[in-house]
Structure formats: C-alpha cells, structure tokens
Amino acid sequence: MLASGYDPFELRNRLTNLTCRGPLEPAFAMVEINLFGEVGVLKTINELIDTTANRNDELLRHICDYIRADERTHVRKGTRILDIMTNLNAKDLELRTR
C-alpha cells in the first residue's frame, strides 16, 4: 500500500470498521487483525446467514458460509501464530492491545 501512495495505518478496514492506530509491535498487530477483525466477523456473520436463509437467498447464504469458514481458518491459524509470537495469553494480549 505504501508503494501505491497510501498510508495503510489511515485506511479503514472494510469489514470491521477498525482503523489501524499506527505501527504496532508484531504480536499486537496480529492481535488487532485476529481478535478484533476476524473474530469480530465471526461474531456477526451467523445473524447474516440466518437472515439470508429466512429470505431464501441461497446464493448469498452460501457466500456468507464460505466467508465464515474462511474467517474460522484465519482465527485458528492466527491463534497458533500468536502462541509462537508471544508468551502472553489471549486475554492479556487483548487487554494490552486495547
């Protein structure tokens, strides 16, 4: 993004309304992405899937289900990465990042 003339820390995340606060230590940047971004999507997508099912919109329901599976994969892998990056537990990482 920098090469394209953007400051990536000023761009809004399209899915979660997070604004990156600025350069963070790697573990805390990963927490911001993993816990606040991807987990945030998982907390809200089930309601969207239910809404699409109620509207009989099978295409959108299928797309949302795919997104949910993808985010679950990111969270699962991100959690393993965080275990390697830091000795802090998930709650302490979240509190320190906030």
PDB file of N, CA and C in Angstrom:
ATOM      1  N   MET A   1       0.820  -1.187   0.000  1.00  0.00           N
ATOM      2  CA  MET A   1       0.000   0.000   0.000  1.00  0.00           C
ATOM      3  C   MET A   1       0.867   1.255   0.000  1.00  0.00           C
ATOM      4  N   LEU A   2       1.966   1.184   0.730  1.00  0.00           N
ATOM      5  CA  LEU A   2       2.864   2.345   0.738  1.00  0.00           C
ATOM      6  C   LEU A   2       3.372   2.645  -0.668  1.00  0.00           C
ATOM      7  N   ALA A   3       3.703   1.599  -1.423  1.00  0.00           N
ATOM      8  CA  ALA A   3       4.207   1.782  -2.784  1.00  0.00           C
ATOM      9  C   ALA A   3       3.160   2.409  -3.697  1.00  0.00           C
ATOM     10  N   SER A   4       1.881   2.242  -3.337  1.00  0.00           N
ATOM     11  CA  SER A   4       0.802   2.832  -4.132  1.00  0.00           C
ATOM     12  C   SER A   4       0.426   4.226  -3.658  1.00  0.00           C
ATOM     13  N   GLY A   5       1.141   4.729  -2.662  1.00  0.00           N
ATOM     14  CA  GLY A   5       0.892   6.086  -2.191  1.00  0.00           C
ATOM     15  C   GLY A   5      -0.076   6.179  -1.021  1.00  0.00           C
ATOM     16  N   TYR A   6      -0.453   5.046  -0.421  1.00  0.00           N
ATOM     17  CA  TYR A   6      -1.374   5.059   0.716  1.00  0.00           C
ATOM     18  C   TYR A   6      -0.627   4.878   2.018  1.00  0.00           C
ATOM     19  N   ASP A   7      -1.116   5.507   3.064  1.00  0.00           N
ATOM     20  CA  ASP A   7      -0.634   5.221   4.404  1.00  0.00           C
ATOM     21  C   ASP A   7      -1.562   4.146   4.958  1.00  0.00           C
ATOM     22  N   PRO A   8      -1.118   2.898   5.051  1.00  0.00           N
ATOM     23  CA  PRO A   8      -2.020   1.810   5.452  1.00  0.00           C
ATOM     24  C   PRO A   8      -2.603   1.986   6.844  1.00  0.00           C
ATOM     25  N   PHE A   9      -1.990   2.797   7.677  1.00  0.00           N
ATOM     26  CA  PHE A   9      -2.498   2.988   9.025  1.00  0.00           C
ATOM     27  C   PHE A   9      -3.610   4.026   9.082  1.00  0.00           C
ATOM     28  N   GLU A  10      -3.938   4.633   7.960  1.00  0.00           N
ATOM     29  CA  GLU A  10      -5.059   5.576   7.923  1.00  0.00           C
ATOM     30  C   GLU A  10      -6.264   5.010   7.198  1.00  0.00           C
ATOM     31  N   LEU A  11      -6.119   3.839   6.581  1.00  0.00           N
ATOM     32  CA  LEU A  11      -7.218   3.249   5.831  1.00  0.00           C
ATOM     33  C   LEU A  11      -8.123   2.451   6.749  1.00  0.00           C
ATOM     34  N   ARG A  12      -9.409   2.556   6.516  1.00  0.00           N
ATOM     35  CA  ARG A  12     -10.373   1.795   7.301  1.00  0.00           C
ATOM     36  C   ARG A  12     -10.425   0.356   6.804  1.00  0.00           C
ATOM     37  N   ASN A  13     -10.638  -0.556   7.741  1.00  0.00           N
ATOM     38  CA  ASN A  13     -10.854  -1.951   7.395  1.00  0.00           C
ATOM     39  C   ASN A  13     -12.293  -2.061   6.894  1.00  0.00           C
ATOM     40  N   ARG A  14     -12.486  -2.650   5.729  1.00  0.00           N
ATOM     41  CA  ARG A  14     -13.805  -2.700   5.103  1.00  0.00           C
ATOM     42  C   ARG A  14     -14.826  -3.511   5.880  1.00  0.00           C
ATOM     43  N   LEU A  15     -14.399  -4.498   6.644  1.00  0.00           N
ATOM     44  CA  LEU A  15     -15.352  -5.399   7.275  1.00  0.00           C
ATOM     45  C   LEU A  15     -15.700  -5.044   8.710  1.00  0.00           C
ATOM     46  N   THR A  16     -14.782  -4.460   9.439  1.00  0.00           N
ATOM     47  CA  THR A  16     -14.992  -4.343  10.878  1.00  0.00           C
ATOM     48  C   THR A  16     -14.980  -2.911  11.400  1.00  0.00           C
ATOM     49  N   ASN A  17     -14.809  -1.924  10.562  1.00  0.00           N
ATOM     50  CA  ASN A  17     -14.746  -0.523  10.988  1.00  0.00           C
ATOM     51  C   ASN A  17     -13.573  -0.218  11.888  1.00  0.00           C
ATOM     52  N   LEU A  18     -12.552  -1.051  11.867  1.00  0.00           N
ATOM     53  CA  LEU A  18     -11.348  -0.748  12.641  1.00  0.00           C
ATOM     54  C   LEU A  18     -10.478   0.215  11.855  1.00  0.00           C
ATOM     55  N   THR A  19      -9.908   1.156  12.553  1.00  0.00           N
ATOM     56  CA  THR A  19      -8.874   1.982  11.958  1.00  0.00           C
ATOM     57  C   THR A  19      -7.576   1.598  12.636  1.00  0.00           C
ATOM     58  N   CYS A  20      -6.623   1.153  11.867  1.00  0.00           N
ATOM     59  CA  CYS A  20      -5.332   0.814  12.462  1.00  0.00           C
ATOM     60  C   CYS A  20      -4.775   2.056  13.134  1.00  0.00           C
ATOM     61  N   ARG A  21      -4.320   1.895  14.348  1.00  0.00           N
ATOM     62  CA  ARG A  21      -3.865   3.054  15.121  1.00  0.00           C
ATOM     63  C   ARG A  21      -2.478   3.512  14.732  1.00  0.00           C
ATOM     64  N   GLY A  22      -1.741   2.684  14.106  1.00  0.00           N
ATOM     65  CA  GLY A  22      -0.377   3.028  13.751  1.00  0.00           C
ATOM     66  C   GLY A  22       0.479   1.792  13.868  1.00  0.00           C
ATOM     67  N   PRO A  23       1.730   1.923  13.559  1.00  0.00           N
ATOM     68  CA  PRO A  23       2.614   0.759  13.637  1.00  0.00           C
ATOM     69  C   PRO A  23       2.615   0.182  15.054  1.00  0.00           C
ATOM     70  N   LEU A  24       2.422  -1.112  15.150  1.00  0.00           N
ATOM     71  CA  LEU A  24       2.421  -1.808  16.432  1.00  0.00           C
ATOM     72  C   LEU A  24       3.511  -2.869  16.415  1.00  0.00           C
ATOM     73  N   GLU A  25       3.899  -3.311  17.607  1.00  0.00           N
ATOM     74  CA  GLU A  25       4.770  -4.473  17.680  1.00  0.00           C
ATOM     75  C   GLU A  25       4.046  -5.612  16.965  1.00  0.00           C
ATOM     76  N   PRO A  26       4.775  -6.506  16.331  1.00  0.00           N
ATOM     77  CA  PRO A  26       4.138  -7.550  15.521  1.00  0.00           C
ATOM     78  C   PRO A  26       3.056  -8.352  16.235  1.00  0.00           C
ATOM     79  N   ALA A  27       3.298  -8.774  17.466  1.00  0.00           N
ATOM     80  CA  ALA A  27       2.290  -9.581  18.170  1.00  0.00           C
ATOM     81  C   ALA A  27       1.000  -8.802  18.368  1.00  0.00           C
ATOM     82  N   PHE A  28       1.109  -7.508  18.680  1.00  0.00           N
ATOM     83  CA  PHE A  28      -0.091  -6.720  18.934  1.00  0.00           C
ATOM     84  C   PHE A  28      -0.814  -6.371  17.634  1.00  0.00           C
ATOM     85  N   ALA A  29      -0.072  -6.207  16.558  1.00  0.00           N
ATOM     86  CA  ALA A  29      -0.705  -6.020  15.254  1.00  0.00           C
ATOM     87  C   ALA A  29      -1.475  -7.282  14.868  1.00  0.00           C
ATOM     88  N   MET A  30      -0.899  -8.437  15.160  1.00  0.00           N
ATOM     89  CA  MET A  30      -1.579  -9.700  14.862  1.00  0.00           C
ATOM     90  C   MET A  30      -2.837  -9.853  15.709  1.00  0.00           C
ATOM     91  N   VAL A  31      -2.778  -9.433  16.958  1.00  0.00           N
ATOM     92  CA  VAL A  31      -3.966  -9.475  17.823  1.00  0.00           C
ATOM     93  C   VAL A  31      -5.053  -8.583  17.245  1.00  0.00           C
ATOM     94  N   GLU A  32      -4.670  -7.399  16.802  1.00  0.00           N
ATOM     95  CA  GLU A  32      -5.659  -6.479  16.242  1.00  0.00           C
ATOM     96  C   GLU A  32      -6.359  -7.102  15.041  1.00  0.00           C
ATOM     97  N   ILE A  33      -5.586  -7.725  14.174  1.00  0.00           N
ATOM     98  CA  ILE A  33      -6.162  -8.373  12.996  1.00  0.00           C
ATOM     99  C   ILE A  33      -6.989  -9.585  13.403  1.00  0.00           C
ATOM    100  N   ASN A  34      -6.411 -10.451  14.216  1.00  0.00           N
ATOM    101  CA  ASN A  34      -7.030 -11.743  14.517  1.00  0.00           C
ATOM    102  C   ASN A  34      -8.217 -11.606  15.456  1.00  0.00           C
ATOM    103  N   LEU A  35      -8.016 -11.026  16.619  1.00  0.00           N
ATOM    104  CA  LEU A  35      -9.096 -10.973  17.606  1.00  0.00           C
ATOM    105  C   LEU A  35     -10.130  -9.906  17.298  1.00  0.00           C
ATOM    106  N   PHE A  36      -9.684  -8.733  16.901  1.00  0.00           N
ATOM    107  CA  PHE A  36     -10.642  -7.651  16.709  1.00  0.00           C
ATOM    108  C   PHE A  36     -11.266  -7.695  15.318  1.00  0.00           C
ATOM    109  N   GLY A  37     -10.525  -8.140  14.340  1.00  0.00           N
ATOM    110  CA  GLY A  37     -11.035  -8.186  12.972  1.00  0.00           C
ATOM    111  C   GLY A  37     -11.749  -9.477  12.659  1.00  0.00           C
ATOM    112  N   GLU A  38     -11.014 -10.565  12.620  1.00  0.00           N
ATOM    113  CA  GLU A  38     -11.581 -11.833  12.185  1.00  0.00           C
ATOM    114  C   GLU A  38     -12.588 -12.396  13.181  1.00  0.00           C
ATOM    115  N   VAL A  39     -12.302 -12.311  14.458  1.00  0.00           N
ATOM    116  CA  VAL A  39     -13.272 -12.774  15.452  1.00  0.00           C
ATOM    117  C   VAL A  39     -14.516 -11.884  15.399  1.00  0.00           C
ATOM    118  N   GLY A  40     -14.315 -10.596  15.148  1.00  0.00           N
ATOM    119  CA  GLY A  40     -15.461  -9.691  15.008  1.00  0.00           C
ATOM    120  C   GLY A  40     -16.395 -10.095  13.886  1.00  0.00           C
ATOM    121  N   VAL A  41     -15.834 -10.531  12.768  1.00  0.00           N
ATOM    122  CA  VAL A  41     -16.648 -11.017  11.654  1.00  0.00           C
ATOM    123  C   VAL A  41     -17.410 -12.267  12.087  1.00  0.00           C
ATOM    124  N   LEU A  42     -16.735 -13.169  12.775  1.00  0.00           N
ATOM    125  CA  LEU A  42     -17.392 -14.400  13.213  1.00  0.00           C
ATOM    126  C   LEU A  42     -18.539 -14.130  14.179  1.00  0.00           C
ATOM    127  N   LYS A  43     -18.410 -13.094  14.988  1.00  0.00           N
ATOM    128  CA  LYS A  43     -19.465 -12.771  15.944  1.00  0.00           C
ATOM    129  C   LYS A  43     -20.730 -12.252  15.261  1.00  0.00           C
ATOM    130  N   THR A  44     -20.600 -11.731  14.057  1.00  0.00           N
ATOM    131  CA  THR A  44     -21.750 -11.127  13.395  1.00  0.00           C
ATOM    132  C   THR A  44     -22.276 -11.913  12.204  1.00  0.00           C
ATOM    133  N   ILE A  45     -21.505 -12.803  11.651  1.00  0.00           N
ATOM    134  CA  ILE A  45     -21.896 -13.415  10.379  1.00  0.00           C
ATOM    135  C   ILE A  45     -23.013 -14.446  10.534  1.00  0.00           C
ATOM    136  N   ASN A  46     -23.130 -15.083  11.692  1.00  0.00           N
ATOM    137  CA  ASN A  46     -24.210 -16.060  11.862  1.00  0.00           C
ATOM    138  C   ASN A  46     -25.581 -15.415  11.695  1.00  0.00           C
ATOM    139  N   GLU A  47     -25.734 -14.212  12.210  1.00  0.00           N
ATOM    140  CA  GLU A  47     -27.012 -13.499  12.047  1.00  0.00           C
ATOM    141  C   GLU A  47     -27.285 -13.211  10.575  1.00  0.00           C
ATOM    142  N   LEU A  48     -26.254 -12.849   9.843  1.00  0.00           N
ATOM    143  CA  LEU A  48     -26.415 -12.597   8.411  1.00  0.00           C
ATOM    144  C   LEU A  48     -26.796 -13.881   7.672  1.00  0.00           C
ATOM    145  N   ILE A  49     -26.180 -14.992   8.052  1.00  0.00           N
ATOM    146  CA  ILE A  49     -26.519 -16.276   7.430  1.00  0.00           C
ATOM    147  C   ILE A  49     -27.978 -16.631   7.718  1.00  0.00           C
ATOM    148  N   ASP A  50     -28.417 -16.419   8.954  1.00  0.00           N
ATOM    149  CA  ASP A  50     -29.814 -16.689   9.298  1.00  0.00           C
ATOM    150  C   ASP A  50     -30.765 -15.801   8.493  1.00  0.00           C
ATOM    151  N   THR A  51     -30.409 -14.534   8.325  1.00  0.00           N
ATOM    152  CA  THR A  51     -31.239 -13.611   7.554  1.00  0.00           C
ATOM    153  C   THR A  51     -31.347 -14.058   6.102  1.00  0.00           C
ATOM    154  N   THR A  52     -30.231 -14.464   5.518  1.00  0.00           N
ATOM    155  CA  THR A  52     -30.271 -14.907   4.118  1.00  0.00           C
ATOM    156  C   THR A  52     -31.080 -16.190   3.978  1.00  0.00           C
ATOM    157  N   ALA A  53     -31.001 -17.065   4.966  1.00  0.00           N
ATOM    158  CA  ALA A  53     -31.797 -18.299   4.922  1.00  0.00           C
ATOM    159  C   ALA A  53     -33.290 -17.972   5.014  1.00  0.00           C
ATOM    160  N   ASN A  54     -33.636 -17.039   5.901  1.00  0.00           N
ATOM    161  CA  ASN A  54     -35.044 -16.629   6.045  1.00  0.00           C
ATOM    162  C   ASN A  54     -35.591 -15.995   4.772  1.00  0.00           C
ATOM    163  N   ARG A  55     -34.721 -15.365   4.000  1.00  0.00           N
ATOM    164  CA  ARG A  55     -35.126 -14.731   2.737  1.00  0.00           C
ATOM    165  C   ARG A  55     -34.996 -15.680   1.543  1.00  0.00           C
ATOM    166  N   ASN A  56     -34.602 -16.917   1.823  1.00  0.00           N
ATOM    167  CA  ASN A  56     -34.403 -17.926   0.772  1.00  0.00           C
ATOM    168  C   ASN A  56     -33.386 -17.477  -0.271  1.00  0.00           C
ATOM    169  N   ASP A  57     -32.385 -16.738   0.179  1.00  0.00           N
ATOM    170  CA  ASP A  57     -31.322 -16.286  -0.718  1.00  0.00           C
ATOM    171  C   ASP A  57     -30.153 -17.260  -0.576  1.00  0.00           C
ATOM    172  N   GLU A  58     -30.258 -18.359  -1.287  1.00  0.00           N
ATOM    173  CA  GLU A  58     -29.274 -19.421  -1.143  1.00  0.00           C
ATOM    174  C   GLU A  58     -27.885 -19.019  -1.642  1.00  0.00           C
ATOM    175  N   LEU A  59     -27.822 -18.190  -2.662  1.00  0.00           N
ATOM    176  CA  LEU A  59     -26.515 -17.760  -3.156  1.00  0.00           C
ATOM    177  C   LEU A  59     -25.787 -16.944  -2.092  1.00  0.00           C
ATOM    178  N   LEU A  60     -26.462 -15.942  -1.530  1.00  0.00           N
ATOM    179  CA  LEU A  60     -25.823 -15.112  -0.511  1.00  0.00           C
ATOM    180  C   LEU A  60     -25.540 -15.922   0.759  1.00  0.00           C
ATOM    181  N   ARG A  61     -26.428 -16.844   1.111  1.00  0.00           N
ATOM    182  CA  ARG A  61     -26.184 -17.696   2.269  1.00  0.00           C
ATOM    183  C   ARG A  61     -24.924 -18.526   2.058  1.00  0.00           C
ATOM    184  N   HIS A  62     -24.772 -19.072   0.867  1.00  0.00           N
ATOM    185  CA  HIS A  62     -23.590 -19.869   0.556  1.00  0.00           C
ATOM    186  C   HIS A  62     -22.319 -19.010   0.614  1.00  0.00           C
ATOM    187  N   ILE A  63     -22.384 -17.803   0.085  1.00  0.00           N
ATOM    188  CA  ILE A  63     -21.235 -16.892   0.123  1.00  0.00           C
ATOM    189  C   ILE A  63     -20.867 -16.571   1.569  1.00  0.00           C
ATOM    190  N   CYS A  64     -21.870 -16.276   2.387  1.00  0.00           N
ATOM    191  CA  CYS A  64     -21.615 -15.956   3.793  1.00  0.00           C
ATOM    192  C   CYS A  64     -21.028 -17.152   4.537  1.00  0.00           C
ATOM    193  N   ASP A  65     -21.511 -18.340   4.220  1.00  0.00           N
ATOM    194  CA  ASP A  65     -20.986 -19.539   4.845  1.00  0.00           C
ATOM    195  C   ASP A  65     -19.517 -19.742   4.468  1.00  0.00           C
ATOM    196  N   TYR A  66     -19.184 -19.448   3.223  1.00  0.00           N
ATOM    197  CA  TYR A  66     -17.797 -19.543   2.775  1.00  0.00           C
ATOM    198  C   TYR A  66     -16.928 -18.542   3.547  1.00  0.00           C
ATOM    199  N   ILE A  67     -17.423 -17.319   3.696  1.00  0.00           N
ATOM    200  CA  ILE A  67     -16.675 -16.293   4.443  1.00  0.00           C
ATOM    201  C   ILE A  67     -16.475 -16.746   5.882  1.00  0.00           C
ATOM    202  N   ARG A  68     -17.529 -17.302   6.484  1.00  0.00           N
ATOM    203  CA  ARG A  68     -17.419 -17.776   7.863  1.00  0.00           C
ATOM    204  C   ARG A  68     -16.341 -18.860   7.981  1.00  0.00           C
ATOM    205  N   ALA A  69     -16.334 -19.807   7.070  1.00  0.00           N
ATOM    206  CA  ALA A  69     -15.327 -20.868   7.099  1.00  0.00           C
ATOM    207  C   ALA A  69     -13.920 -20.292   6.924  1.00  0.00           C
ATOM    208  N   ASP A  70     -13.797 -19.317   6.035  1.00  0.00           N
ATOM    209  CA  ASP A  70     -12.504 -18.686   5.806  1.00  0.00           C
ATOM    210  C   ASP A  70     -12.023 -17.954   7.060  1.00  0.00           C
ATOM    211  N   GLU A  71     -12.911 -17.215   7.703  1.00  0.00           N
ATOM    212  CA  GLU A  71     -12.530 -16.496   8.917  1.00  0.00           C
ATOM    213  C   GLU A  71     -12.176 -17.456  10.048  1.00  0.00           C
ATOM    214  N   ARG A  72     -12.897 -18.563  10.154  1.00  0.00           N
ATOM    215  CA  ARG A  72     -12.555 -19.565  11.167  1.00  0.00           C
ATOM    216  C   ARG A  72     -11.136 -20.085  10.950  1.00  0.00           C
ATOM    217  N   THR A  73     -10.787 -20.310   9.700  1.00  0.00           N
ATOM    218  CA  THR A  73      -9.435 -20.766   9.373  1.00  0.00           C
ATOM    219  C   THR A  73      -8.408 -19.719   9.791  1.00  0.00           C
ATOM    220  N   HIS A  74      -8.684 -18.449   9.491  1.00  0.00           N
ATOM    221  CA  HIS A  74      -7.761 -17.376   9.872  1.00  0.00           C
ATOM    222  C   HIS A  74      -7.585 -17.310  11.384  1.00  0.00           C
ATOM    223  N   VAL A  75      -8.691 -17.406  12.123  1.00  0.00           N
ATOM    224  CA  VAL A  75      -8.615 -17.330  13.582  1.00  0.00           C
ATOM    225  C   VAL A  75      -7.827 -18.517  14.130  1.00  0.00           C
ATOM    226  N   ARG A  76      -8.112 -19.703  13.631  1.00  0.00           N
ATOM    227  CA  ARG A  76      -7.418 -20.906  14.102  1.00  0.00           C
ATOM    228  C   ARG A  76      -5.913 -20.795  13.844  1.00  0.00           C
ATOM    229  N   LYS A  77      -5.546 -20.417  12.633  1.00  0.00           N
ATOM    230  CA  LYS A  77      -4.122 -20.297  12.306  1.00  0.00           C
ATOM    231  C   LYS A  77      -3.491 -19.113  13.032  1.00  0.00           C
ATOM    232  N   GLY A  78      -4.219 -18.008  13.136  1.00  0.00           N
ATOM    233  CA  GLY A  78      -3.700 -16.833  13.820  1.00  0.00           C
ATOM    234  C   GLY A  78      -3.430 -17.088  15.288  1.00  0.00           C
ATOM    235  N   THR A  79      -4.292 -17.885  15.911  1.00  0.00           N
ATOM    236  CA  THR A  79      -4.097 -18.224  17.319  1.00  0.00           C
ATOM    237  C   THR A  79      -2.800 -19.005  17.506  1.00  0.00           C
ATOM    238  N   ARG A  80      -2.533 -19.924  16.612  1.00  0.00           N
ATOM    239  CA  ARG A  80      -1.271 -20.688  16.680  1.00  0.00           C
ATOM    240  C   ARG A  80      -0.073 -19.763  16.479  1.00  0.00           C
ATOM    241  N   ILE A  81      -0.193 -18.845  15.542  1.00  0.00           N
ATOM    242  CA  ILE A  81       0.892 -17.900  15.282  1.00  0.00           C
ATOM    243  C   ILE A  81       1.143 -17.039  16.514  1.00  0.00           C
ATOM    244  N   LEU A  82       0.070 -16.553  17.149  1.00  0.00           N
ATOM    245  CA  LEU A  82       0.227 -15.734  18.349  1.00  0.00           C
ATOM    246  C   LEU A  82       0.889 -16.509  19.481  1.00  0.00           C
ATOM    247  N   ASP A  83       0.599 -17.793  19.588  1.00  0.00           N
ATOM    248  CA  ASP A  83       1.247 -18.617  20.615  1.00  0.00           C
ATOM    249  C   ASP A  83       2.761 -18.657  20.419  1.00  0.00           C
ATOM    250  N   ILE A  84       3.198 -18.580  19.180  1.00  0.00           N
ATOM    251  CA  ILE A  84       4.630 -18.599  18.876  1.00  0.00           C
ATOM    252  C   ILE A  84       5.239 -17.212  19.052  1.00  0.00           C
ATOM    253  N   MET A  85       4.470 -16.174  18.737  1.00  0.00           N
ATOM    254  CA  MET A  85       4.995 -14.809  18.752  1.00  0.00           C
ATOM    255  C   MET A  85       5.172 -14.240  20.158  1.00  0.00           C
ATOM    256  N   THR A  86       4.396 -14.724  21.113  1.00  0.00           N
ATOM    257  CA  THR A  86       4.414 -14.111  22.438  1.00  0.00           C
ATOM    258  C   THR A  86       4.115 -15.145  23.515  1.00  0.00           C
ATOM    259  N   ASN A  87       4.512 -14.829  24.733  1.00  0.00           N
ATOM    260  CA  ASN A  87       4.205 -15.691  25.878  1.00  0.00           C
ATOM    261  C   ASN A  87       2.926 -15.266  26.585  1.00  0.00           C
ATOM    262  N   LEU A  88       2.329 -14.163  26.173  1.00  0.00           N
ATOM    263  CA  LEU A  88       1.105 -13.686  26.813  1.00  0.00           C
ATOM    264  C   LEU A  88      -0.080 -14.560  26.409  1.00  0.00           C
ATOM    265  N   ASN A  89      -1.025 -14.750  27.335  1.00  0.00           N
ATOM    266  CA  ASN A  89      -2.224 -15.494  26.979  1.00  0.00           C
ATOM    267  C   ASN A  89      -3.176 -14.576  26.201  1.00  0.00           C
ATOM    268  N   ALA A  90      -4.213 -15.152  25.626  1.00  0.00           N
ATOM    269  CA  ALA A  90      -5.114 -14.404  24.737  1.00  0.00           C
ATOM    270  C   ALA A  90      -5.747 -13.204  25.437  1.00  0.00           C
ATOM    271  N   LYS A  91      -6.188 -13.365  26.681  1.00  0.00           N
ATOM    272  CA  LYS A  91      -6.842 -12.264  27.402  1.00  0.00           C
ATOM    273  C   LYS A  91      -5.859 -11.127  27.658  1.00  0.00           C
ATOM    274  N   ASP A  92      -4.646 -11.460  28.090  1.00  0.00           N
ATOM    275  CA  ASP A  92      -3.638 -10.426  28.335  1.00  0.00           C
ATOM    276  C   ASP A  92      -3.245  -9.713  27.040  1.00  0.00           C
ATOM    277  N   LEU A  93      -3.145 -10.474  25.947  1.00  0.00           N
ATOM    278  CA  LEU A  93      -2.844  -9.867  24.654  1.00  0.00           C
ATOM    279  C   LEU A  93      -3.935  -8.881  24.255  1.00  0.00           C
ATOM    280  N   GLU A  94      -5.180  -9.304  24.430  1.00  0.00           N
ATOM    281  CA  GLU A  94      -6.297  -8.432  24.070  1.00  0.00           C
ATOM    282  C   GLU A  94      -6.301  -7.165  24.908  1.00  0.00           C
ATOM    283  N   LEU A  95      -6.130  -7.290  26.217  1.00  0.00           N
ATOM    284  CA  LEU A  95      -6.133  -6.124  27.099  1.00  0.00           C
ATOM    285  C   LEU A  95      -4.977  -5.189  26.782  1.00  0.00           C
ATOM    286  N   ARG A  96      -3.802  -5.731  26.524  1.00  0.00           N
ATOM    287  CA  ARG A  96      -2.629  -4.894  26.231  1.00  0.00           C
ATOM    288  C   ARG A  96      -2.791  -4.188  24.876  1.00  0.00           C
ATOM    289  N   THR A  97      -3.404  -4.880  23.906  1.00  0.00           N
ATOM    290  CA  THR A  97      -3.584  -4.286  22.588  1.00  0.00           C
ATOM    291  C   THR A  97      -4.622  -3.182  22.630  1.00  0.00           C
ATOM    292  N   ARG A  98      -5.678  -3.382  23.402  1.00  0.00           N
ATOM    293  CA  ARG A  98      -6.722  -2.346  23.506  1.00  0.00           C
ATOM    294  C   ARG A  98      -6.121  -1.089  24.089  1.00  0.00           C
TER     295      ARG A  98
END
